[in-house]
Amino acid sequence: MAALHQPNLPADEGYENKPETAGVRPAVQAGEPCRKCSTPVIKQASRKKPKRDYYFEFRLFCPNCKATYQVEEAKRFVEQPPSLF
């Protein structure tokens, strides 16, 4: 803690200039390997009805380990009618 409070310390280049995308995983696409078991994932229609103001039109599904991936490109927004109250 004493070193932290020293005057005229140089900036930590590794921390200060960290890229915005650090730690963000790229989106999975159909046909790419599953992150868990490396089996190619398939595109599958979603069966759930919208309960919020959005839903996912499809999901990516691994037939081997049954993992599912919801991607932003499948997100659809539901238009809500104006409230009467």
PDB file of N, CA and C in Angstrom:
ATOM      1  N   MET A   1       0.825  -1.186   0.000  1.00  0.00           N
ATOM      2  CA  MET A   1       0.000   0.000   0.000  1.00  0.00           C
ATOM      3  C   MET A   1       0.870   1.250   0.000  1.00  0.00           C
ATOM      4  N   ALA A   2       2.024   1.158   0.637  1.00  0.00           N
ATOM      5  CA  ALA A   2       2.899   2.328   0.687  1.00  0.00           C
ATOM      6  C   ALA A   2       3.385   2.685  -0.720  1.00  0.00           C
ATOM      7  N   ALA A   3       3.688   1.678  -1.533  1.00  0.00           N
ATOM      8  CA  ALA A   3       4.146   1.943  -2.903  1.00  0.00           C
ATOM      9  C   ALA A   3       3.025   2.521  -3.752  1.00  0.00           C
ATOM     10  N   LEU A   4       1.815   2.172  -3.479  1.00  0.00           N
ATOM     11  CA  LEU A   4       0.669   2.670  -4.235  1.00  0.00           C
ATOM     12  C   LEU A   4       0.487   4.175  -4.069  1.00  0.00           C
ATOM     13  N   HIS A   5       0.821   4.688  -2.918  1.00  0.00           N
ATOM     14  CA  HIS A   5       0.607   6.101  -2.623  1.00  0.00           C
ATOM     15  C   HIS A   5       1.833   6.972  -2.904  1.00  0.00           C
ATOM     16  N   GLN A   6       2.836   6.425  -3.589  1.00  0.00           N
ATOM     17  CA  GLN A   6       4.023   7.193  -3.966  1.00  0.00           C
ATOM     18  C   GLN A   6       3.644   8.262  -4.994  1.00  0.00           C
ATOM     19  N   PRO A   7       4.250   9.440  -4.956  1.00  0.00           N
ATOM     20  CA  PRO A   7       3.974  10.460  -5.970  1.00  0.00           C
ATOM     21  C   PRO A   7       4.693  10.148  -7.290  1.00  0.00           C
ATOM     22  N   ASN A   8       4.139  10.629  -8.385  1.00  0.00           N
ATOM     23  CA  ASN A   8       4.739  10.539  -9.728  1.00  0.00           C
ATOM     24  C   ASN A   8       4.987   9.105 -10.194  1.00  0.00           C
ATOM     25  N   LEU A   9       4.035   8.233  -9.979  1.00  0.00           N
ATOM     26  CA  LEU A   9       4.158   6.850 -10.455  1.00  0.00           C
ATOM     27  C   LEU A   9       3.813   6.793 -11.936  1.00  0.00           C
ATOM     28  N   PRO A  10       4.537   5.980 -12.728  1.00  0.00           N
ATOM     29  CA  PRO A  10       4.187   5.845 -14.149  1.00  0.00           C
ATOM     30  C   PRO A  10       2.902   5.016 -14.293  1.00  0.00           C
ATOM     31  N   ALA A  11       2.202   5.248 -15.388  1.00  0.00           N
ATOM     32  CA  ALA A  11       0.957   4.512 -15.649  1.00  0.00           C
ATOM     33  C   ALA A  11       1.274   3.062 -15.958  1.00  0.00           C
ATOM     34  N   ASP A  12       0.431   2.163 -15.509  1.00  0.00           N
ATOM     35  CA  ASP A  12       0.569   0.735 -15.804  1.00  0.00           C
ATOM     36  C   ASP A  12       0.011   0.502 -17.208  1.00  0.00           C
ATOM     37  N   GLU A  13       0.898   0.354 -18.189  1.00  0.00           N
ATOM     38  CA  GLU A  13       0.481   0.245 -19.596  1.00  0.00           C
ATOM     39  C   GLU A  13      -0.393  -0.982 -19.842  1.00  0.00           C
ATOM     40  N   GLY A  14      -0.140  -2.071 -19.170  1.00  0.00           N
ATOM     41  CA  GLY A  14      -0.935  -3.286 -19.359  1.00  0.00           C
ATOM     42  C   GLY A  14      -2.357  -3.128 -18.859  1.00  0.00           C
ATOM     43  N   TYR A  15      -2.551  -2.311 -17.840  1.00  0.00           N
ATOM     44  CA  TYR A  15      -3.884  -2.103 -17.279  1.00  0.00           C
ATOM     45  C   TYR A  15      -4.583  -0.904 -17.915  1.00  0.00           C
ATOM     46  N   GLU A  16      -3.875   0.190 -18.079  1.00  0.00           N
ATOM     47  CA  GLU A  16      -4.468   1.421 -18.588  1.00  0.00           C
ATOM     48  C   GLU A  16      -4.940   1.303 -20.033  1.00  0.00           C
ATOM     49  N   ASN A  17      -4.214   0.595 -20.867  1.00  0.00           N
ATOM     50  CA  ASN A  17      -4.531   0.505 -22.297  1.00  0.00           C
ATOM     51  C   ASN A  17      -5.105  -0.852 -22.673  1.00  0.00           C
ATOM     52  N   LYS A  18      -5.914  -1.414 -21.783  1.00  0.00           N
ATOM     53  CA  LYS A  18      -6.517  -2.724 -22.022  1.00  0.00           C
ATOM     54  C   LYS A  18      -7.569  -2.595 -23.120  1.00  0.00           C
ATOM     55  N   PRO A  19      -7.565  -3.466 -24.137  1.00  0.00           N
ATOM     56  CA  PRO A  19      -8.575  -3.362 -25.201  1.00  0.00           C
ATOM     57  C   PRO A  19      -9.977  -3.642 -24.666  1.00  0.00           C
ATOM     58  N   GLU A  20     -10.968  -3.038 -25.311  1.00  0.00           N
ATOM     59  CA  GLU A  20     -12.365  -3.183 -24.892  1.00  0.00           C
ATOM     60  C   GLU A  20     -12.862  -4.618 -25.012  1.00  0.00           C
ATOM     61  N   THR A  21     -12.332  -5.383 -25.947  1.00  0.00           N
ATOM     62  CA  THR A  21     -12.819  -6.736 -26.204  1.00  0.00           C
ATOM     63  C   THR A  21     -12.098  -7.792 -25.376  1.00  0.00           C
ATOM     64  N   ALA A  22     -11.266  -7.405 -24.451  1.00  0.00           N
ATOM     65  CA  ALA A  22     -10.550  -8.382 -23.634  1.00  0.00           C
ATOM     66  C   ALA A  22     -11.535  -9.162 -22.771  1.00  0.00           C
ATOM     67  N   GLY A  23     -11.469 -10.481 -22.818  1.00  0.00           N
ATOM     68  CA  GLY A  23     -12.330 -11.326 -22.004  1.00  0.00           C
ATOM     69  C   GLY A  23     -13.686 -11.614 -22.607  1.00  0.00           C
ATOM     70  N   VAL A  24     -13.978 -11.122 -23.816  1.00  0.00           N
ATOM     71  CA  VAL A  24     -15.268 -11.358 -24.453  1.00  0.00           C
ATOM     72  C   VAL A  24     -15.111 -12.512 -25.443  1.00  0.00           C
ATOM     73  N   ARG A  25     -15.951 -13.518 -25.304  1.00  0.00           N
ATOM     74  CA  ARG A  25     -15.893 -14.653 -26.219  1.00  0.00           C
ATOM     75  C   ARG A  25     -16.569 -14.316 -27.539  1.00  0.00           C
ATOM     76  N   PRO A  26     -16.007 -14.772 -28.639  1.00  0.00           N
ATOM     77  CA  PRO A  26     -16.702 -14.562 -29.912  1.00  0.00           C
ATOM     78  C   PRO A  26     -17.950 -15.435 -29.985  1.00  0.00           C
ATOM     79  N   ALA A  27     -18.944 -14.973 -30.725  1.00  0.00           N
ATOM     80  CA  ALA A  27     -20.202 -15.706 -30.839  1.00  0.00           C
ATOM     81  C   ALA A  27     -19.986 -17.018 -31.590  1.00  0.00           C
ATOM     82  N   VAL A  28     -20.677 -18.055 -31.174  1.00  0.00           N
ATOM     83  CA  VAL A  28     -20.616 -19.358 -31.831  1.00  0.00           C
ATOM     84  C   VAL A  28     -21.528 -19.313 -33.060  1.00  0.00           C
ATOM     85  N   GLN A  29     -21.111 -19.913 -34.151  1.00  0.00           N
ATOM     86  CA  GLN A  29     -21.899 -19.996 -35.372  1.00  0.00           C
ATOM     87  C   GLN A  29     -22.248 -21.459 -35.631  1.00  0.00           C
ATOM     88  N   ALA A  30     -23.296 -21.687 -36.422  1.00  0.00           N
ATOM     89  CA  ALA A  30     -23.696 -23.051 -36.770  1.00  0.00           C
ATOM     90  C   ALA A  30     -22.549 -23.739 -37.504  1.00  0.00           C
ATOM     91  N   GLY A  31     -22.253 -24.970 -37.127  1.00  0.00           N
ATOM     92  CA  GLY A  31     -21.181 -25.739 -37.747  1.00  0.00           C
ATOM     93  C   GLY A  31     -19.849 -25.632 -37.014  1.00  0.00           C
ATOM     94  N   GLU A  32     -19.707 -24.649 -36.133  1.00  0.00           N
ATOM     95  CA  GLU A  32     -18.474 -24.519 -35.365  1.00  0.00           C
ATOM     96  C   GLU A  32     -18.463 -25.544 -34.236  1.00  0.00           C
ATOM     97  N   PRO A  33     -17.283 -25.868 -33.706  1.00  0.00           N
ATOM     98  CA  PRO A  33     -17.232 -26.864 -32.633  1.00  0.00           C
ATOM     99  C   PRO A  33     -17.832 -26.341 -31.331  1.00  0.00           C
ATOM    100  N   CYS A  34     -18.455 -27.237 -30.600  1.00  0.00           N
ATOM    101  CA  CYS A  34     -19.007 -26.940 -29.282  1.00  0.00           C
ATOM    102  C   CYS A  34     -17.856 -26.584 -28.354  1.00  0.00           C
ATOM    103  N   ARG A  35     -18.087 -25.651 -27.431  1.00  0.00           N
ATOM    104  CA  ARG A  35     -17.036 -25.237 -26.501  1.00  0.00           C
ATOM    105  C   ARG A  35     -16.754 -26.297 -25.449  1.00  0.00           C
ATOM    106  N   LYS A  36     -17.686 -27.228 -25.248  1.00  0.00           N
ATOM    107  CA  LYS A  36     -17.506 -28.258 -24.231  1.00  0.00           C
ATOM    108  C   LYS A  36     -16.909 -29.542 -24.781  1.00  0.00           C
ATOM    109  N   CYS A  37     -17.418 -29.996 -25.953  1.00  0.00           N
ATOM    110  CA  CYS A  37     -16.990 -31.317 -26.431  1.00  0.00           C
ATOM    111  C   CYS A  37     -16.439 -31.318 -27.859  1.00  0.00           C
ATOM    112  N   SER A  38     -16.408 -30.170 -28.524  1.00  0.00           N
ATOM    113  CA  SER A  38     -15.848 -30.002 -29.874  1.00  0.00           C
ATOM    114  C   SER A  38     -16.663 -30.653 -30.987  1.00  0.00           C
ATOM    115  N   THR A  39     -17.894 -31.067 -30.715  1.00  0.00           N
ATOM    116  CA  THR A  39     -18.788 -31.576 -31.752  1.00  0.00           C
ATOM    117  C   THR A  39     -19.402 -30.375 -32.474  1.00  0.00           C
ATOM    118  N   PRO A  40     -19.545 -30.400 -33.795  1.00  0.00           N
ATOM    119  CA  PRO A  40     -20.156 -29.267 -34.484  1.00  0.00           C
ATOM    120  C   PRO A  40     -21.587 -29.012 -34.009  1.00  0.00           C
ATOM    121  N   VAL A  41     -21.909 -27.751 -33.726  1.00  0.00           N
ATOM    122  CA  VAL A  41     -23.247 -27.393 -33.258  1.00  0.00           C
ATOM    123  C   VAL A  41     -24.180 -27.201 -34.452  1.00  0.00           C
ATOM    124  N   ILE A  42     -25.484 -27.437 -34.215  1.00  0.00           N
ATOM    125  CA  ILE A  42     -26.478 -27.296 -35.272  1.00  0.00           C
ATOM    126  C   ILE A  42     -27.482 -26.214 -34.876  1.00  0.00           C
ATOM    127  N   LYS A  43     -28.100 -25.623 -35.876  1.00  0.00           N
ATOM    128  CA  LYS A  43     -29.110 -24.598 -35.656  1.00  0.00           C
ATOM    129  C   LYS A  43     -30.447 -25.287 -35.429  1.00  0.00           C
ATOM    130  N   GLN A  44     -31.150 -24.895 -34.363  1.00  0.00           N
ATOM    131  CA  GLN A  44     -32.407 -25.538 -34.008  1.00  0.00           C
ATOM    132  C   GLN A  44     -33.425 -24.458 -33.654  1.00  0.00           C
ATOM    133  N   ALA A  45     -34.657 -24.616 -34.154  1.00  0.00           N
ATOM    134  CA  ALA A  45     -35.718 -23.646 -33.871  1.00  0.00           C
ATOM    135  C   ALA A  45     -36.050 -23.674 -32.389  1.00  0.00           C
ATOM    136  N   SER A  46     -36.294 -22.514 -31.833  1.00  0.00           N
ATOM    137  CA  SER A  46     -36.639 -22.410 -30.424  1.00  0.00           C
ATOM    138  C   SER A  46     -38.095 -22.792 -30.227  1.00  0.00           C
ATOM    139  N   ARG A  47     -38.406 -23.459 -29.121  1.00  0.00           N
ATOM    140  CA  ARG A  47     -39.766 -23.905 -28.858  1.00  0.00           C
ATOM    141  C   ARG A  47     -40.478 -23.041 -27.830  1.00  0.00           C
ATOM    142  N   LYS A  48     -39.763 -22.150 -27.193  1.00  0.00           N
ATOM    143  CA  LYS A  48     -40.358 -21.348 -26.129  1.00  0.00           C
ATOM    144  C   LYS A  48     -41.109 -20.151 -26.696  1.00  0.00           C
ATOM    145  N   LYS A  49     -42.213 -19.814 -26.056  1.00  0.00           N
ATOM    146  CA  LYS A  49     -42.977 -18.641 -26.439  1.00  0.00           C
ATOM    147  C   LYS A  49     -42.410 -17.424 -25.710  1.00  0.00           C
ATOM    148  N   PRO A  50     -42.540 -16.245 -26.307  1.00  0.00           N
ATOM    149  CA  PRO A  50     -41.986 -15.061 -25.655  1.00  0.00           C
ATOM    150  C   PRO A  50     -42.690 -14.734 -24.345  1.00  0.00           C
ATOM    151  N   LYS A  51     -41.911 -14.564 -23.286  1.00  0.00           N
ATOM    152  CA  LYS A  51     -42.449 -14.183 -21.983  1.00  0.00           C
ATOM    153  C   LYS A  51     -41.990 -12.776 -21.612  1.00  0.00           C
ATOM    154  N   ARG A  52     -41.030 -12.266 -22.330  1.00  0.00           N
ATOM    155  CA  ARG A  52     -40.486 -10.931 -22.077  1.00  0.00           C
ATOM    156  C   ARG A  52     -40.741 -10.068 -23.301  1.00  0.00           C
ATOM    157  N   ASP A  53     -39.995  -8.992 -23.399  1.00  0.00           N
ATOM    158  CA  ASP A  53     -40.127  -8.133 -24.562  1.00  0.00           C
ATOM    159  C   ASP A  53     -39.235  -8.592 -25.710  1.00  0.00           C
ATOM    160  N   TYR A  54     -38.601  -9.764 -25.556  1.00  0.00           N
ATOM    161  CA  TYR A  54     -37.814 -10.343 -26.640  1.00  0.00           C
ATOM    162  C   TYR A  54     -37.860 -11.869 -26.532  1.00  0.00           C
ATOM    163  N   TYR A  55     -37.448 -12.535 -27.602  1.00  0.00           N
ATOM    164  CA  TYR A  55     -37.317 -13.990 -27.603  1.00  0.00           C
ATOM    165  C   TYR A  55     -36.207 -14.356 -28.572  1.00  0.00           C
ATOM    166  N   PHE A  56     -35.772 -15.606 -28.563  1.00  0.00           N
ATOM    167  CA  PHE A  56     -34.747 -16.083 -29.474  1.00  0.00           C
ATOM    168  C   PHE A  56     -35.413 -16.954 -30.531  1.00  0.00           C
ATOM    169  N   GLU A  57     -35.259 -16.567 -31.790  1.00  0.00           N
ATOM    170  CA  GLU A  57     -35.891 -17.290 -32.895  1.00  0.00           C
ATOM    171  C   GLU A  57     -35.305 -18.688 -33.051  1.00  0.00           C
ATOM    172  N   PHE A  58     -34.017 -18.831 -32.820  1.00  0.00           N
ATOM    173  CA  PHE A  58     -33.366 -20.138 -32.893  1.00  0.00           C
ATOM    174  C   PHE A  58     -32.264 -20.192 -31.843  1.00  0.00           C
ATOM    175  N   ARG A  59     -31.740 -21.386 -31.657  1.00  0.00           N
ATOM    176  CA  ARG A  59     -30.601 -21.580 -30.760  1.00  0.00           C
ATOM    177  C   ARG A  59     -29.629 -22.518 -31.445  1.00  0.00           C
ATOM    178  N   LEU A  60     -28.418 -22.542 -30.976  1.00  0.00           N
ATOM    179  CA  LEU A  60     -27.425 -23.482 -31.470  1.00  0.00           C
ATOM    180  C   LEU A  60     -27.329 -24.607 -30.451  1.00  0.00           C
ATOM    181  N   PHE A  61     -27.366 -25.834 -30.924  1.00  0.00           N
ATOM    182  CA  PHE A  61     -27.495 -27.014 -30.077  1.00  0.00           C
ATOM    183  C   PHE A  61     -26.406 -28.017 -30.412  1.00  0.00           C
ATOM    184  N   CYS A  62     -25.787 -28.566 -29.382  1.00  0.00           N
ATOM    185  CA  CYS A  62     -24.786 -29.617 -29.571  1.00  0.00           C
ATOM    186  C   CYS A  62     -25.475 -30.964 -29.419  1.00  0.00           C
ATOM    187  N   PRO A  63     -25.500 -31.787 -30.461  1.00  0.00           N
ATOM    188  CA  PRO A  63     -26.184 -33.082 -30.360  1.00  0.00           C
ATOM    189  C   PRO A  63     -25.459 -34.085 -29.452  1.00  0.00           C
ATOM    190  N   ASN A  64     -24.194 -33.857 -29.159  1.00  0.00           N
ATOM    191  CA  ASN A  64     -23.433 -34.793 -28.339  1.00  0.00           C
ATOM    192  C   ASN A  64     -23.630 -34.530 -26.849  1.00  0.00           C
ATOM    193  N   CYS A  65     -23.327 -33.310 -26.387  1.00  0.00           N
ATOM    194  CA  CYS A  65     -23.401 -33.031 -24.945  1.00  0.00           C
ATOM    195  C   CYS A  65     -24.656 -32.250 -24.562  1.00  0.00           C
ATOM    196  N   LYS A  66     -25.516 -31.956 -25.528  1.00  0.00           N
ATOM    197  CA  LYS A  66     -26.805 -31.277 -25.309  1.00  0.00           C
ATOM    198  C   LYS A  66     -26.667 -29.834 -24.815  1.00  0.00           C
ATOM    199  N   ALA A  67     -25.519 -29.207 -25.044  1.00  0.00           N
ATOM    200  CA  ALA A  67     -25.331 -27.807 -24.663  1.00  0.00           C
ATOM    201  C   ALA A  67     -26.089 -26.919 -25.642  1.00  0.00           C
ATOM    202  N   THR A  68     -26.637 -25.814 -25.149  1.00  0.00           N
ATOM    203  CA  THR A  68     -27.329 -24.866 -26.017  1.00  0.00           C
ATOM    204  C   THR A  68     -26.640 -23.512 -25.929  1.00  0.00           C
ATOM    205  N   TYR A  69     -26.651 -22.799 -27.043  1.00  0.00           N
ATOM    206  CA  TYR A  69     -26.056 -21.473 -27.128  1.00  0.00           C
ATOM    207  C   TYR A  69     -27.088 -20.539 -27.725  1.00  0.00           C
ATOM    208  N   GLN A  70     -27.381 -19.453 -27.016  1.00  0.00           N
ATOM    209  CA  GLN A  70     -28.279 -18.434 -27.544  1.00  0.00           C
ATOM    210  C   GLN A  70     -27.407 -17.285 -28.022  1.00  0.00           C
ATOM    211  N   VAL A  71     -27.602 -16.876 -29.272  1.00  0.00           N
ATOM    212  CA  VAL A  71     -26.764 -15.841 -29.866  1.00  0.00           C
ATOM    213  C   VAL A  71     -27.592 -14.587 -30.125  1.00  0.00           C
ATOM    214  N   GLU A  72     -26.939 -13.441 -30.103  1.00  0.00           N
ATOM    215  CA  GLU A  72     -27.612 -12.160 -30.283  1.00  0.00           C
ATOM    216  C   GLU A  72     -28.282 -12.037 -31.652  1.00  0.00           C
ATOM    217  N   GLU A  73     -27.728 -12.681 -32.669  1.00  0.00           N
ATOM    218  CA  GLU A  73     -28.333 -12.571 -34.009  1.00  0.00           C
ATOM    219  C   GLU A  73     -29.698 -13.261 -34.074  1.00  0.00           C
ATOM    220  N   ALA A  74     -30.026 -14.105 -33.111  1.00  0.00           N
ATOM    221  CA  ALA A  74     -31.321 -14.782 -33.077  1.00  0.00           C
ATOM    222  C   ALA A  74     -32.332 -14.037 -32.212  1.00  0.00           C
ATOM    223  N   LYS A  75     -31.911 -12.973 -31.549  1.00  0.00           N
ATOM    224  CA  LYS A  75     -32.787 -12.239 -30.633  1.00  0.00           C
ATOM    225  C   LYS A  75     -33.792 -11.401 -31.429  1.00  0.00           C
ATOM    226  N   ARG A  76     -35.069 -11.554 -31.102  1.00  0.00           N
ATOM    227  CA  ARG A  76     -36.152 -10.810 -31.749  1.00  0.00           C
ATOM    228  C   ARG A  76     -36.952 -10.086 -30.671  1.00  0.00           C
ATOM    229  N   PHE A  77     -37.287  -8.839 -30.941  1.00  0.00           N
ATOM    230  CA  PHE A  77     -38.040  -8.046 -29.984  1.00  0.00           C
ATOM    231  C   PHE A  77     -39.511  -8.093 -30.315  1.00  0.00           C
ATOM    232  N   VAL A  78     -40.348  -8.182 -29.284  1.00  0.00           N
ATOM    233  CA  VAL A  78     -41.795  -8.239 -29.425  1.00  0.00           C
ATOM    234  C   VAL A  78     -42.330  -6.843 -29.196  1.00  0.00           C
ATOM    235  N   GLU A  79     -43.123  -6.356 -30.129  1.00  0.00           N
ATOM    236  CA  GLU A  79     -43.715  -5.030 -29.971  1.00  0.00           C
ATOM    237  C   GLU A  79     -44.890  -5.136 -29.016  1.00  0.00           C
ATOM    238  N   GLN A  80     -44.832  -4.358 -27.958  1.00  0.00           N
ATOM    239  CA  GLN A  80     -45.898  -4.352 -26.962  1.00  0.00           C
ATOM    240  C   GLN A  80     -46.921  -3.267 -27.332  1.00  0.00           C
ATOM    241  N   PRO A  81     -48.214  -3.586 -27.305  1.00  0.00           N
ATOM    242  CA  PRO A  81     -49.219  -2.553 -27.557  1.00  0.00           C
ATOM    243  C   PRO A  81     -49.218  -1.539 -26.413  1.00  0.00           C
ATOM    244  N   PRO A  82     -49.585  -0.298 -26.685  1.00  0.00           N
ATOM    245  CA  PRO A  82     -49.591   0.682 -25.619  1.00  0.00           C
ATOM    246  C   PRO A  82     -50.581   0.306 -24.509  1.00  0.00           C
ATOM    247  N   SER A  83     -50.213   0.588 -23.305  1.00  0.00           N
ATOM    248  CA  SER A  83     -51.043   0.255 -22.151  1.00  0.00           C
ATOM    249  C   SER A  83     -52.267   1.160 -22.093  1.00  0.00           C
ATOM    250  N   LEU A  84     -53.383   0.630 -21.649  1.00  0.00           N
ATOM    251  CA  LEU A  84     -54.597   1.421 -21.528  1.00  0.00           C
ATOM    252  C   LEU A  84     -54.641   2.227 -20.242  1.00  0.00           C
ATOM    253  N   PHE A  85     -53.742   1.896 -19.315  1.00  0.00           N
ATOM    254  CA  PHE A  85     -53.750   2.585 -18.026  1.00  0.00           C
ATOM    255  C   PHE A  85     -52.571   3.481 -17.879  1.00  0.00           C
TER     256      PHE A  85
END
